Protein backbone atom coordinates (compact mmCIF):
# COMPACT_ATOMS: atom_id res chain seq x y z
CA MET A 1 12.10 7.22 12.60
CA SER A 2 9.21 7.47 10.53
CA PHE A 3 7.63 4.57 8.35
CA ARG A 4 5.79 3.90 5.44
CA ARG A 5 3.01 0.48 4.12
CA TYR A 6 3.99 -0.25 0.83
CA GLU A 7 0.90 -2.61 -0.49
CA ILE A 8 1.30 -4.35 -3.96
CA LEU A 9 -1.48 -5.49 -5.77
CA LEU A 10 -0.37 -8.79 -7.81
CA PRO A 11 -2.92 -10.06 -10.64
CA LYS A 12 -3.94 -13.87 -10.48
CA ARG A 13 -4.39 -13.45 -14.28
CA TYR A 14 -2.34 -12.47 -17.37
CA ASN A 15 -4.32 -9.73 -19.44
CA ASP A 16 -4.92 -12.61 -21.91
CA GLY A 17 -6.49 -14.41 -19.04
CA ALA A 18 -3.77 -17.45 -18.09
CA ALA A 19 -3.66 -17.75 -14.73
CA VAL A 20 -0.36 -16.27 -13.06
CA GLU A 21 1.77 -19.24 -12.13
CA LEU A 22 2.51 -19.95 -7.85
CA GLU A 23 6.05 -19.52 -8.69
CA LYS A 24 5.95 -15.93 -9.28
CA PHE A 25 3.98 -15.27 -6.16
CA LEU A 26 6.19 -17.02 -4.39
CA VAL A 27 9.59 -15.61 -5.88
CA THR A 28 7.96 -11.88 -5.38
CA ASN A 29 7.71 -12.91 -1.81
CA ASN A 30 11.04 -14.02 -0.90
CA GLU A 31 12.58 -11.20 -2.58
CA LEU A 32 10.81 -8.88 -0.27
CA ALA A 33 11.31 -10.89 2.67
CA LEU A 34 15.11 -11.14 1.94
CA GLN A 35 15.34 -7.65 1.08
CA PHE A 36 13.46 -6.07 3.99
CA GLY A 37 13.15 -8.95 6.41
CA ALA A 38 9.76 -9.30 6.23
CA VAL A 39 6.61 -9.39 4.08
CA SER A 40 2.79 -9.91 4.33
CA PHE A 41 0.54 -11.57 1.94
CA SER A 42 -3.65 -11.49 1.55
CA PRO A 43 -4.29 -14.27 -0.77
CA GLU A 44 -8.18 -13.31 -0.87
CA ALA A 45 -8.86 -11.90 -4.06
CA LEU A 46 -9.71 -8.11 -4.91
CA HIS A 47 -11.74 -7.86 -7.76
CA GLY A 48 -11.07 -4.83 -10.12
CA ILE A 49 -12.22 -3.17 -13.15
CA TRP A 50 -10.37 -1.40 -15.28
CA THR A 51 -10.00 0.23 -18.66
CA HIS A 52 -6.93 0.95 -20.83
CA GLY A 53 -6.71 1.74 -24.08
CA GLY A 54 -10.57 1.76 -24.87
CA ARG A 55 -10.13 -1.63 -23.27
CA ARG A 56 -12.20 -3.40 -20.34
CA TYR A 57 -10.30 -5.76 -18.08
CA GLU A 58 -11.52 -7.13 -14.80
CA GLU A 59 -9.16 -9.26 -12.69
CA ASP A 60 -8.71 -10.69 -9.47
CA ASN A 61 -5.71 -9.66 -7.07
CA VAL A 62 -4.02 -10.56 -4.19
CA ARG A 63 -1.99 -7.98 -2.18
CA LEU A 64 1.15 -8.27 -0.43
CA PHE A 65 2.69 -5.22 2.16
CA VAL A 66 5.88 -4.33 3.47
CA ASP A 67 6.32 -1.71 6.29
CA VAL A 68 9.38 -0.36 5.85
CA GLU A 69 11.91 2.76 7.19
CA ASP A 70 10.40 6.05 5.09
CA THR A 71 13.90 6.72 3.14
CA PRO A 72 14.82 7.55 -0.43
CA GLU A 73 16.37 4.32 -0.77
CA ASN A 74 13.46 2.23 0.45
CA ALA A 75 11.27 4.49 -2.34
CA ALA A 76 13.95 3.99 -5.61
CA PHE A 77 13.67 0.07 -4.52
CA PHE A 78 9.99 0.08 -5.38
CA GLN A 79 9.82 1.99 -8.24
CA GLN A 80 12.98 -0.13 -9.42
CA PHE A 81 10.28 -3.49 -8.29
CA LYS A 82 7.51 -2.13 -10.12
CA MET A 83 9.41 -2.08 -13.64
CA ILE A 84 10.30 -5.95 -12.52
CA LEU A 85 6.94 -6.93 -11.72
CA LYS A 86 4.85 -5.47 -14.52
CA GLU A 87 7.58 -7.66 -16.66
CA ARG A 88 7.01 -10.69 -14.63
CA PHE A 89 3.55 -10.51 -14.66
CA ARG A 90 2.91 -9.18 -18.26
CA GLN A 91 0.82 -6.24 -17.18
CA ILE A 92 0.53 -2.89 -18.36
CA ASP A 93 0.76 -1.45 -15.53
CA ILE A 94 1.35 -2.61 -11.47
CA TRP A 95 -0.12 -0.82 -8.64
CA ILE A 96 1.97 -0.01 -5.87
CA ILE A 97 0.34 2.57 -3.01
CA SER A 98 2.21 3.32 -0.38
CA HIS A 99 1.49 5.60 2.78
CA GLU A 100 2.93 6.94 6.16
CA ILE A 101 2.14 4.35 9.10
CA ARG A 102 2.61 4.96 12.82
CA ILE A 103 3.96 1.60 14.55
CA THR A 104 3.32 1.75 18.50
């Protein structure tokens, strides 16, 4: 059986600079824990800089990650979940990274 790690970067502020409410992080963590039985949260801020449409954005992000079986159903979940997160966190995009892992 093969596994994948899905890492999600979530912004601590909306694109307009207002702070994201703590409840949105708690809801997101809870949804992942209910779906997969576990989730890990790294509260250290990851500072990022990016541009979109000629505008520069600087942001601090937190990282969530989940290790799951590498199945088409799980991949589809994260594709759909990304749309939910984009709306919830009022973002142009949400970065979800996945890579194969080996659990020993």
